Structures are given as C-alpha cells and as structure tokens.
Amino acid sequence: MLYKFKSAVTSDIIMLEANGQQVLRIIGKGDDLIKGIVTTAQIPAAIAAMEAAVVVDDAAREQARATGNPPGGISLRQRTLPLLDALRRCQQAQEQLVWGV
C-alpha cells in the first residue's frame, strides 16, 4: 500500500506503507491510517511532533555512530523533509493536508 498526501498548495507526496504509518503515528493520527486529514488547526502540532521525532532520531543515529554501529537506511530527517515542507506551506496558505481520499 502507498500513502498519498495531498493539499491544494503542494505537490502530492507518496510514501510506502511503513513510512506513511510511522509519520501518521508521529503526528497523532495512528487511528486514521487509511484516510484522514490534518486540519489547519492541527498543522502546528503536527509540525512540532515531527520536528521532535527527528531530533530524537538524529540523537539515536549519532549515538549509534559513536559506538561504532553506523545506522543504515534513510534517516527520519530525510524521510520527513518533504512532508514537513508541505505542512509548512499548508500552514502559510491556511490549507489542510489529506491522505487516502
């Protein structure tokens, strides 16, 4: 399954199922995994939650590097960058972000 995040002010963002679910859980939408909406009122909290999760992930990756176990794969920072950008654009334009519709 793929997740397609859409808004009126950004290009569509497509994520694989596991990554889309991870992001939705981070922003507090774990119950709305099939389809849902981030309203304009929810966008600031979603941005803050994603930024906080990125800080935690960055610290864990740095700790792994320091102990000689370099992390593999794409970091949460890289994975969430397009969605964070979309949320910021939605916030500026007072638009919502939807998925699964």
PDB file of N, CA and C in Angstrom:
ATOM      1  N   MET A   1       0.843  -1.181   0.000  1.00  0.00           N
ATOM      2  CA  MET A   1       0.000   0.000   0.000  1.00  0.00           C
ATOM      3  C   MET A   1       0.886   1.241   0.000  1.00  0.00           C
ATOM      4  N   LEU A   2       0.430   2.243  -0.664  1.00  0.00           N
ATOM      5  CA  LEU A   2       1.110   3.532  -0.694  1.00  0.00           C
ATOM      6  C   LEU A   2       0.234   4.584  -0.024  1.00  0.00           C
ATOM      7  N   TYR A   3       0.886   5.551   0.569  1.00  0.00           N
ATOM      8  CA  TYR A   3       0.177   6.712   1.110  1.00  0.00           C
ATOM      9  C   TYR A   3       0.438   7.887   0.190  1.00  0.00           C
ATOM     10  N   LYS A   4      -0.629   8.581  -0.176  1.00  0.00           N
ATOM     11  CA  LYS A   4      -0.501   9.785  -0.983  1.00  0.00           C
ATOM     12  C   LYS A   4      -1.067  10.947  -0.171  1.00  0.00           C
ATOM     13  N   PHE A   5      -0.173  11.858   0.207  1.00  0.00           N
ATOM     14  CA  PHE A   5      -0.560  13.051   0.954  1.00  0.00           C
ATOM     15  C   PHE A   5      -0.790  14.162  -0.055  1.00  0.00           C
ATOM     16  N   LYS A   6      -1.937  14.865   0.080  1.00  0.00           N
ATOM     17  CA  LYS A   6      -2.329  15.870  -0.902  1.00  0.00           C
ATOM     18  C   LYS A   6      -2.802  17.147  -0.216  1.00  0.00           C
ATOM     19  N   SER A   7      -2.562  18.241  -0.893  1.00  0.00           N
ATOM     20  CA  SER A   7      -3.138  19.519  -0.474  1.00  0.00           C
ATOM     21  C   SER A   7      -3.316  20.385  -1.707  1.00  0.00           C
ATOM     22  N   ALA A   8      -4.002  21.476  -1.527  1.00  0.00           N
ATOM     23  CA  ALA A   8      -4.254  22.388  -2.642  1.00  0.00           C
ATOM     24  C   ALA A   8      -3.022  23.224  -2.982  1.00  0.00           C
ATOM     25  N   VAL A   9      -2.023  23.266  -2.092  1.00  0.00           N
ATOM     26  CA  VAL A   9      -0.885  24.162  -2.302  1.00  0.00           C
ATOM     27  C   VAL A   9       0.447  23.443  -2.503  1.00  0.00           C
ATOM     28  N   THR A  10       0.442  22.110  -2.515  1.00  0.00           N
ATOM     29  CA  THR A  10       1.689  21.369  -2.696  1.00  0.00           C
ATOM     30  C   THR A  10       1.502  20.243  -3.702  1.00  0.00           C
ATOM     31  N   SER A  11       2.604  19.719  -4.147  1.00  0.00           N
ATOM     32  CA  SER A  11       2.563  18.509  -4.958  1.00  0.00           C
ATOM     33  C   SER A  11       2.215  17.341  -4.055  1.00  0.00           C
ATOM     34  N   ASP A  12       1.733  16.261  -4.650  1.00  0.00           N
ATOM     35  CA  ASP A  12       1.446  15.054  -3.879  1.00  0.00           C
ATOM     36  C   ASP A  12       2.750  14.465  -3.341  1.00  0.00           C
ATOM     37  N   ILE A  13       2.674  13.899  -2.153  1.00  0.00           N
ATOM     38  CA  ILE A  13       3.813  13.222  -1.537  1.00  0.00           C
ATOM     39  C   ILE A  13       3.411  11.767  -1.363  1.00  0.00           C
ATOM     40  N   ILE A  14       4.191  10.881  -1.922  1.00  0.00           N
ATOM     41  CA  ILE A  14       3.885   9.455  -1.856  1.00  0.00           C
ATOM     42  C   ILE A  14       4.904   8.764  -0.971  1.00  0.00           C
ATOM     43  N   MET A  15       4.401   7.948  -0.047  1.00  0.00           N
ATOM     44  CA  MET A  15       5.255   7.181   0.862  1.00  0.00           C
ATOM     45  C   MET A  15       4.828   5.723   0.867  1.00  0.00           C
ATOM     46  N   LEU A  16       5.792   4.850   1.069  1.00  0.00           N
ATOM     47  CA  LEU A  16       5.478   3.443   1.273  1.00  0.00           C
ATOM     48  C   LEU A  16       4.694   3.274   2.559  1.00  0.00           C
ATOM     49  N   GLU A  17       3.985   2.180   2.686  1.00  0.00           N
ATOM     50  CA  GLU A  17       3.083   1.955   3.807  1.00  0.00           C
ATOM     51  C   GLU A  17       3.760   2.130   5.170  1.00  0.00           C
ATOM     52  N   ALA A  18       4.887   1.461   5.375  1.00  0.00           N
ATOM     53  CA  ALA A  18       5.541   1.520   6.688  1.00  0.00           C
ATOM     54  C   ALA A  18       5.959   2.939   7.045  1.00  0.00           C
ATOM     55  N   ASN A  19       6.474   3.671   6.069  1.00  0.00           N
ATOM     56  CA  ASN A  19       6.909   5.043   6.327  1.00  0.00           C
ATOM     57  C   ASN A  19       5.727   5.977   6.548  1.00  0.00           C
ATOM     58  N   GLY A  20       4.680   5.801   5.770  1.00  0.00           N
ATOM     59  CA  GLY A  20       3.481   6.605   5.953  1.00  0.00           C
ATOM     60  C   GLY A  20       2.850   6.376   7.313  1.00  0.00           C
ATOM     61  N   GLN A  21       2.773   5.123   7.726  1.00  0.00           N
ATOM     62  CA  GLN A  21       2.208   4.815   9.040  1.00  0.00           C
ATOM     63  C   GLN A  21       3.065   5.398  10.156  1.00  0.00           C
ATOM     64  N   GLN A  22       4.386   5.336  10.004  1.00  0.00           N
ATOM     65  CA  GLN A  22       5.278   5.901  11.012  1.00  0.00           C
ATOM     66  C   GLN A  22       5.021   7.396  11.181  1.00  0.00           C
ATOM     67  N   VAL A  23       4.927   8.104  10.074  1.00  0.00           N
ATOM     68  CA  VAL A  23       4.694   9.548  10.122  1.00  0.00           C
ATOM     69  C   VAL A  23       3.322   9.850  10.718  1.00  0.00           C
ATOM     70  N   LEU A  24       2.319   9.087  10.337  1.00  0.00           N
ATOM     71  CA  LEU A  24       0.978   9.328  10.875  1.00  0.00           C
ATOM     72  C   LEU A  24       0.931   9.092  12.378  1.00  0.00           C
ATOM     73  N   ARG A  25       1.642   8.097  12.846  1.00  0.00           N
ATOM     74  CA  ARG A  25       1.687   7.862  14.296  1.00  0.00           C
ATOM     75  C   ARG A  25       2.408   9.003  15.008  1.00  0.00           C
ATOM     76  N   ILE A  26       3.471   9.497  14.402  1.00  0.00           N
ATOM     77  CA  ILE A  26       4.214  10.610  14.994  1.00  0.00           C
ATOM     78  C   ILE A  26       3.321  11.826  15.167  1.00  0.00           C
ATOM     79  N   ILE A  27       2.492  12.113  14.185  1.00  0.00           N
ATOM     80  CA  ILE A  27       1.655  13.316  14.262  1.00  0.00           C
ATOM     81  C   ILE A  27       0.329  13.063  14.970  1.00  0.00           C
ATOM     82  N   GLY A  28       0.179  11.875  15.560  1.00  0.00           N
ATOM     83  CA  GLY A  28      -1.009  11.598  16.354  1.00  0.00           C
ATOM     84  C   GLY A  28      -2.212  11.140  15.560  1.00  0.00           C
ATOM     85  N   LYS A  29      -1.972  10.621  14.370  1.00  0.00           N
ATOM     86  CA  LYS A  29      -3.070  10.148  13.525  1.00  0.00           C
ATOM     87  C   LYS A  29      -3.049   8.634  13.384  1.00  0.00           C
ATOM     88  N   GLY A  30      -2.576   7.939  14.399  1.00  0.00           N
ATOM     89  CA  GLY A  30      -2.447   6.488  14.346  1.00  0.00           C
ATOM     90  C   GLY A  30      -3.743   5.748  14.151  1.00  0.00           C
ATOM     91  N   ASP A  31      -4.869   6.363  14.496  1.00  0.00           N
ATOM     92  CA  ASP A  31      -6.172   5.721  14.310  1.00  0.00           C
ATOM     93  C   ASP A  31      -6.730   5.946  12.909  1.00  0.00           C
ATOM     94  N   ASP A  32      -6.137   6.877  12.189  1.00  0.00           N
ATOM     95  CA  ASP A  32      -6.642   7.257  10.871  1.00  0.00           C
ATOM     96  C   ASP A  32      -5.663   6.834   9.778  1.00  0.00           C
ATOM     97  N   LEU A  33      -5.295   5.558   9.751  1.00  0.00           N
ATOM     98  CA  LEU A  33      -4.236   5.134   8.847  1.00  0.00           C
ATOM     99  C   LEU A  33      -4.675   4.979   7.399  1.00  0.00           C
ATOM    100  N   ILE A  34      -5.942   4.744   7.148  1.00  0.00           N
ATOM    101  CA  ILE A  34      -6.402   4.533   5.773  1.00  0.00           C
ATOM    102  C   ILE A  34      -6.634   5.860   5.056  1.00  0.00           C
ATOM    103  N   LYS A  35      -7.385   6.735   5.680  1.00  0.00           N
ATOM    104  CA  LYS A  35      -7.606   8.062   5.108  1.00  0.00           C
ATOM    105  C   LYS A  35      -7.812   9.043   6.249  1.00  0.00           C
ATOM    106  N   GLY A  36      -7.477  10.281   5.981  1.00  0.00           N
ATOM    107  CA  GLY A  36      -7.634  11.266   7.036  1.00  0.00           C
ATOM    108  C   GLY A  36      -7.239  12.650   6.600  1.00  0.00           C
ATOM    109  N   ILE A  37      -7.169  13.519   7.599  1.00  0.00           N
ATOM    110  CA  ILE A  37      -6.925  14.932   7.344  1.00  0.00           C
ATOM    111  C   ILE A  37      -6.114  15.518   8.495  1.00  0.00           C
ATOM    112  N   VAL A  38      -5.227  16.424   8.142  1.00  0.00           N
ATOM    113  CA  VAL A  38      -4.582  17.284   9.128  1.00  0.00           C
ATOM    114  C   VAL A  38      -5.195  18.655   8.878  1.00  0.00           C
ATOM    115  N   THR A  39      -6.025  19.083   9.794  1.00  0.00           N
ATOM    116  CA  THR A  39      -6.716  20.368   9.630  1.00  0.00           C
ATOM    117  C   THR A  39      -5.736  21.510   9.847  1.00  0.00           C
ATOM    118  N   THR A  40      -6.147  22.687   9.448  1.00  0.00           N
ATOM    119  CA  THR A  40      -5.285  23.854   9.636  1.00  0.00           C
ATOM    120  C   THR A  40      -4.982  24.077  11.113  1.00  0.00           C
ATOM    121  N   ALA A  41      -5.924  23.753  11.980  1.00  0.00           N
ATOM    122  CA  ALA A  41      -5.694  23.900  13.417  1.00  0.00           C
ATOM    123  C   ALA A  41      -4.707  22.864  13.952  1.00  0.00           C
ATOM    124  N   GLN A  42      -4.613  21.706  13.305  1.00  0.00           N
ATOM    125  CA  GLN A  42      -3.725  20.630  13.753  1.00  0.00           C
ATOM    126  C   GLN A  42      -2.312  20.729  13.188  1.00  0.00           C
ATOM    127  N   ILE A  43      -2.120  21.531  12.167  1.00  0.00           N
ATOM    128  CA  ILE A  43      -0.826  21.598  11.491  1.00  0.00           C
ATOM    129  C   ILE A  43       0.320  22.012  12.419  1.00  0.00           C
ATOM    130  N   PRO A  44       0.184  23.058  13.251  1.00  0.00           N
ATOM    131  CA  PRO A  44       1.314  23.422  14.111  1.00  0.00           C
ATOM    132  C   PRO A  44       1.759  22.270  15.032  1.00  0.00           C
ATOM    133  N   ALA A  45       0.816  21.551  15.599  1.00  0.00           N
ATOM    134  CA  ALA A  45       1.159  20.422  16.470  1.00  0.00           C
ATOM    135  C   ALA A  45       1.804  19.297  15.673  1.00  0.00           C
ATOM    136  N   ALA A  46       1.348  19.074  14.452  1.00  0.00           N
ATOM    137  CA  ALA A  46       1.933  18.028  13.602  1.00  0.00           C
ATOM    138  C   ALA A  46       3.374  18.374  13.253  1.00  0.00           C
ATOM    139  N   ILE A  47       3.627  19.627  12.922  1.00  0.00           N
ATOM    140  CA  ILE A  47       4.989  20.064  12.614  1.00  0.00           C
ATOM    141  C   ILE A  47       5.881  19.889  13.842  1.00  0.00           C
ATOM    142  N   ALA A  48       5.397  20.329  14.997  1.00  0.00           N
ATOM    143  CA  ALA A  48       6.192  20.217  16.229  1.00  0.00           C
ATOM    144  C   ALA A  48       6.486  18.762  16.573  1.00  0.00           C
ATOM    145  N   ALA A  49       5.505  17.890  16.404  1.00  0.00           N
ATOM    146  CA  ALA A  49       5.709  16.464  16.705  1.00  0.00           C
ATOM    147  C   ALA A  49       6.732  15.841  15.772  1.00  0.00           C
ATOM    148  N   MET A  50       6.654  16.176  14.492  1.00  0.00           N
ATOM    149  CA  MET A  50       7.617  15.628  13.532  1.00  0.00           C
ATOM    150  C   MET A  50       9.011  16.169  13.802  1.00  0.00           C
ATOM    151  N   GLU A  51       9.133  17.447  14.110  1.00  0.00           N
ATOM    152  CA  GLU A  51      10.444  18.015  14.413  1.00  0.00           C
ATOM    153  C   GLU A  51      11.041  17.381  15.665  1.00  0.00           C
ATOM    154  N   ALA A  52      10.223  17.134  16.679  1.00  0.00           N
ATOM    155  CA  ALA A  52      10.706  16.489  17.905  1.00  0.00           C
ATOM    156  C   ALA A  52      11.157  15.057  17.629  1.00  0.00           C
ATOM    157  N   ALA A  53      10.411  14.340  16.813  1.00  0.00           N
ATOM    158  CA  ALA A  53      10.781  12.961  16.466  1.00  0.00           C
ATOM    159  C   ALA A  53      12.089  12.933  15.684  1.00  0.00           C
ATOM    160  N   VAL A  54      12.296  13.913  14.836  1.00  0.00           N
ATOM    161  CA  VAL A  54      13.536  13.998  14.070  1.00  0.00           C
ATOM    162  C   VAL A  54      14.723  14.221  15.006  1.00  0.00           C
ATOM    163  N   VAL A  55      14.560  15.079  15.999  1.00  0.00           N
ATOM    164  CA  VAL A  55      15.633  15.332  16.964  1.00  0.00           C
ATOM    165  C   VAL A  55      15.992  14.042  17.703  1.00  0.00           C
ATOM    166  N   VAL A  56      14.993  13.297  18.122  1.00  0.00           N
ATOM    167  CA  VAL A  56      15.230  12.029  18.826  1.00  0.00           C
ATOM    168  C   VAL A  56      15.939  11.034  17.909  1.00  0.00           C
ATOM    169  N   ASP A  57      15.473  10.931  16.666  1.00  0.00           N
ATOM    170  CA  ASP A  57      16.089  10.014  15.714  1.00  0.00           C
ATOM    171  C   ASP A  57      17.530  10.424  15.405  1.00  0.00           C
ATOM    172  N   ASP A  58      17.771  11.715  15.228  1.00  0.00           N
ATOM    173  CA  ASP A  58      19.131  12.197  14.979  1.00  0.00           C
ATOM    174  C   ASP A  58      20.056  11.821  16.126  1.00  0.00           C
ATOM    175  N   ALA A  59      19.579  11.993  17.366  1.00  0.00           N
ATOM    176  CA  ALA A  59      20.390  11.654  18.538  1.00  0.00           C
ATOM    177  C   ALA A  59      20.687  10.163  18.588  1.00  0.00           C
ATOM    178  N   ALA A  60      19.699   9.343  18.281  1.00  0.00           N
ATOM    179  CA  ALA A  60      19.899   7.889  18.291  1.00  0.00           C
ATOM    180  C   ALA A  60      20.888   7.476  17.205  1.00  0.00           C
ATOM    181  N   ARG A  61      20.789   8.094  16.055  1.00  0.00           N
ATOM    182  CA  ARG A  61      21.722   7.776  14.968  1.00  0.00           C
ATOM    183  C   ARG A  61      23.141   8.218  15.320  1.00  0.00           C
ATOM    184  N   GLU A  62      23.269   9.367  15.949  1.00  0.00           N
ATOM    185  CA  GLU A  62      24.587   9.850  16.372  1.00  0.00           C
ATOM    186  C   GLU A  62      25.182   8.942  17.445  1.00  0.00           C
ATOM    187  N   GLN A  63      24.355   8.508  18.364  1.00  0.00           N
ATOM    188  CA  GLN A  63      24.805   7.573  19.410  1.00  0.00           C
ATOM    189  C   GLN A  63      25.276   6.265  18.783  1.00  0.00           C
ATOM    190  N   ALA A  64      24.558   5.785  17.811  1.00  0.00           N
ATOM    191  CA  ALA A  64      24.952   4.550  17.123  1.00  0.00           C
ATOM    192  C   ALA A  64      26.296   4.728  16.425  1.00  0.00           C
ATOM    193  N   ARG A  65      26.480   5.888  15.786  1.00  0.00           N
ATOM    194  CA  ARG A  65      27.766   6.160  15.135  1.00  0.00           C
ATOM    195  C   ARG A  65      28.899   6.200  16.157  1.00  0.00           C
ATOM    196  N   ALA A  66      28.642   6.811  17.306  1.00  0.00           N
ATOM    197  CA  ALA A  66      29.663   6.953  18.340  1.00  0.00           C
ATOM    198  C   ALA A  66      30.083   5.603  18.925  1.00  0.00           C
ATOM    199  N   THR A  67      29.182   4.648  18.905  1.00  0.00           N
ATOM    200  CA  THR A  67      29.502   3.333  19.450  1.00  0.00           C
ATOM    201  C   THR A  67      30.002   2.366  18.383  1.00  0.00           C
ATOM    202  N   GLY A  68      30.243   2.875  17.193  1.00  0.00           N
ATOM    203  CA  GLY A  68      30.795   2.042  16.137  1.00  0.00           C
ATOM    204  C   GLY A  68      29.776   1.249  15.349  1.00  0.00           C
ATOM    205  N   ASN A  69      28.507   1.571  15.501  1.00  0.00           N
ATOM    206  CA  ASN A  69      27.435   0.898  14.759  1.00  0.00           C
ATOM    207  C   ASN A  69      26.724   1.908  13.873  1.00  0.00           C
ATOM    208  N   PRO A  70      27.337   2.287  12.776  1.00  0.00           N
ATOM    209  CA  PRO A  70      26.694   3.309  11.939  1.00  0.00           C
ATOM    210  C   PRO A  70      25.321   2.866  11.463  1.00  0.00           C
ATOM    211  N   PRO A  71      24.342   3.751  11.606  1.00  0.00           N
ATOM    212  CA  PRO A  71      22.977   3.390  11.191  1.00  0.00           C
ATOM    213  C   PRO A  71      22.874   3.318   9.672  1.00  0.00           C
ATOM    214  N   GLY A  72      22.057   2.435   9.218  1.00  0.00           N
ATOM    215  CA  GLY A  72      21.837   2.313   7.780  1.00  0.00           C
ATOM    216  C   GLY A  72      20.511   2.927   7.390  1.00  0.00           C
ATOM    217  N   GLY A  73      20.275   2.980   6.133  1.00  0.00           N
ATOM    218  CA  GLY A  73      18.983   3.448   5.641  1.00  0.00           C
ATOM    219  C   GLY A  73      18.825   4.951   5.691  1.00  0.00           C
ATOM    220  N   ILE A  74      17.641   5.357   5.358  1.00  0.00           N
ATOM    221  CA  ILE A  74      17.301   6.775   5.294  1.00  0.00           C
ATOM    222  C   ILE A  74      16.878   7.247   6.681  1.00  0.00           C
ATOM    223  N   SER A  75      17.392   8.379   7.078  1.00  0.00           N
ATOM    224  CA  SER A  75      17.053   8.919   8.393  1.00  0.00           C
ATOM    225  C   SER A  75      15.635   9.474   8.388  1.00  0.00           C
ATOM    226  N   LEU A  76      15.092   9.605   9.583  1.00  0.00           N
ATOM    227  CA  LEU A  76      13.763  10.203   9.707  1.00  0.00           C
ATOM    228  C   LEU A  76      13.784  11.645   9.205  1.00  0.00           C
ATOM    229  N   ARG A  77      14.878  12.340   9.418  1.00  0.00           N
ATOM    230  CA  ARG A  77      15.018  13.717   8.929  1.00  0.00           C
ATOM    231  C   ARG A  77      14.823  13.763   7.410  1.00  0.00           C
ATOM    232  N   GLN A  78      15.498  12.860   6.699  1.00  0.00           N
ATOM    233  CA  GLN A  78      15.376  12.829   5.241  1.00  0.00           C
ATOM    234  C   GLN A  78      13.970  12.411   4.809  1.00  0.00           C
ATOM    235  N   ARG A  79      13.415  11.441   5.514  1.00  0.00           N
ATOM    236  CA  ARG A  79      12.117  10.904   5.116  1.00  0.00           C
ATOM    237  C   ARG A  79      10.995  11.915   5.337  1.00  0.00           C
ATOM    238  N   THR A  80      11.088  12.719   6.387  1.00  0.00           N
ATOM    239  CA  THR A  80      10.005  13.645   6.714  1.00  0.00           C
ATOM    240  C   THR A  80      10.154  15.017   6.065  1.00  0.00           C
ATOM    241  N   LEU A  81      11.299  15.300   5.485  1.00  0.00           N
ATOM    242  CA  LEU A  81      11.541  16.628   4.916  1.00  0.00           C
ATOM    243  C   LEU A  81      10.457  17.072   3.929  1.00  0.00           C
ATOM    244  N   PRO A  82      10.067  16.245   2.952  1.00  0.00           N
ATOM    245  CA  PRO A  82       9.017  16.700   2.020  1.00  0.00           C
ATOM    246  C   PRO A  82       7.671  16.954   2.712  1.00  0.00           C
ATOM    247  N   LEU A  83       7.335  16.111   3.676  1.00  0.00           N
ATOM    248  CA  LEU A  83       6.059  16.278   4.364  1.00  0.00           C
ATOM    249  C   LEU A  83       6.087  17.503   5.283  1.00  0.00           C
ATOM    250  N   LEU A  84       7.216  17.738   5.942  1.00  0.00           N
ATOM    251  CA  LEU A  84       7.336  18.947   6.759  1.00  0.00           C
ATOM    252  C   LEU A  84       7.210  20.196   5.891  1.00  0.00           C
ATOM    253  N   ASP A  85       7.847  20.176   4.747  1.00  0.00           N
ATOM    254  CA  ASP A  85       7.742  21.305   3.821  1.00  0.00           C
ATOM    255  C   ASP A  85       6.287  21.516   3.400  1.00  0.00           C
ATOM    256  N   ALA A  86       5.606  20.435   3.086  1.00  0.00           N
ATOM    257  CA  ALA A  86       4.197  20.528   2.691  1.00  0.00           C
ATOM    258  C   ALA A  86       3.348  21.100   3.828  1.00  0.00           C
ATOM    259  N   LEU A  87       3.587  20.623   5.037  1.00  0.00           N
ATOM    260  CA  LEU A  87       2.816  21.124   6.179  1.00  0.00           C
ATOM    261  C   LEU A  87       3.069  22.614   6.406  1.00  0.00           C
ATOM    262  N   ARG A  88       4.307  23.034   6.248  1.00  0.00           N
ATOM    263  CA  ARG A  88       4.615  24.467   6.414  1.00  0.00           C
ATOM    264  C   ARG A  88       3.936  25.309   5.338  1.00  0.00           C
ATOM    265  N   ARG A  89       3.913  24.806   4.116  1.00  0.00           N
ATOM    266  CA  ARG A  89       3.225  25.526   3.041  1.00  0.00           C
ATOM    267  C   ARG A  89       1.720  25.564   3.293  1.00  0.00           C
ATOM    268  N   CYS A  90       1.177  24.465   3.766  1.00  0.00           N
ATOM    269  CA  CYS A  90      -0.251  24.428   4.105  1.00  0.00           C
ATOM    270  C   CYS A  90      -0.555  25.421   5.216  1.00  0.00           C
ATOM    271  N   GLN A  91       0.336  25.497   6.193  1.00  0.00           N
ATOM    272  CA  GLN A  91       0.136  26.424   7.304  1.00  0.00           C
ATOM    273  C   GLN A  91       0.104  27.862   6.794  1.00  0.00           C
ATOM    274  N   GLN A  92       1.039  28.204   5.931  1.00  0.00           N
ATOM    275  CA  GLN A  92       1.077  29.564   5.373  1.00  0.00           C
ATOM    276  C   GLN A  92      -0.178  29.898   4.593  1.00  0.00           C
ATOM    277  N   ALA A  93      -0.652  28.931   3.830  1.00  0.00           N
ATOM    278  CA  ALA A  93      -1.811  29.162   2.966  1.00  0.00           C
ATOM    279  C   ALA A  93      -3.143  28.870   3.650  1.00  0.00           C
ATOM    280  N   GLN A  94      -3.083  28.425   4.916  1.00  0.00           N
ATOM    281  CA  GLN A  94      -4.299  28.049   5.649  1.00  0.00           C
ATOM    282  C   GLN A  94      -5.079  26.968   4.901  1.00  0.00           C
ATOM    283  N   GLU A  95      -4.359  25.948   4.455  1.00  0.00           N
ATOM    284  CA  GLU A  95      -4.947  24.799   3.765  1.00  0.00           C
ATOM    285  C   GLU A  95      -4.728  23.547   4.605  1.00  0.00           C
ATOM    286  N   GLN A  96      -5.526  22.556   4.361  1.00  0.00           N
ATOM    287  CA  GLN A  96      -5.400  21.275   5.058  1.00  0.00           C
ATOM    288  C   GLN A  96      -4.583  20.299   4.228  1.00  0.00           C
ATOM    289  N   LEU A  97      -4.139  19.218   4.867  1.00  0.00           N
ATOM    290  CA  LEU A  97      -3.440  18.138   4.187  1.00  0.00           C
ATOM    291  C   LEU A  97      -4.261  16.875   4.374  1.00  0.00           C
ATOM    292  N   VAL A  98      -4.469  16.125   3.309  1.00  0.00           N
ATOM    293  CA  VAL A  98      -5.283  14.919   3.382  1.00  0.00           C
ATOM    294  C   VAL A  98      -4.495  13.734   2.832  1.00  0.00           C
ATOM    295  N   TRP A  99      -4.964  12.519   3.138  1.00  0.00           N
ATOM    296  CA  TRP A  99      -4.418  11.311   2.548  1.00  0.00           C
ATOM    297  C   TRP A  99      -5.531  10.289   2.421  1.00  0.00           C
ATOM    298  N   GLY A 100      -5.375   9.415   1.443  1.00  0.00           N
ATOM    299  CA  GLY A 100      -6.323   8.318   1.256  1.00  0.00           C
ATOM    300  C   GLY A 100      -7.664   8.699   0.674  1.00  0.00           C
ATOM    301  N   VAL A 101      -7.774   9.903   0.157  1.00  0.00           N
ATOM    302  CA  VAL A 101      -9.060  10.327  -0.424  1.00  0.00           C
ATOM    303  C   VAL A 101      -8.888  10.650  -1.889  1.00  0.00           C
TER     304      VAL A 101
END
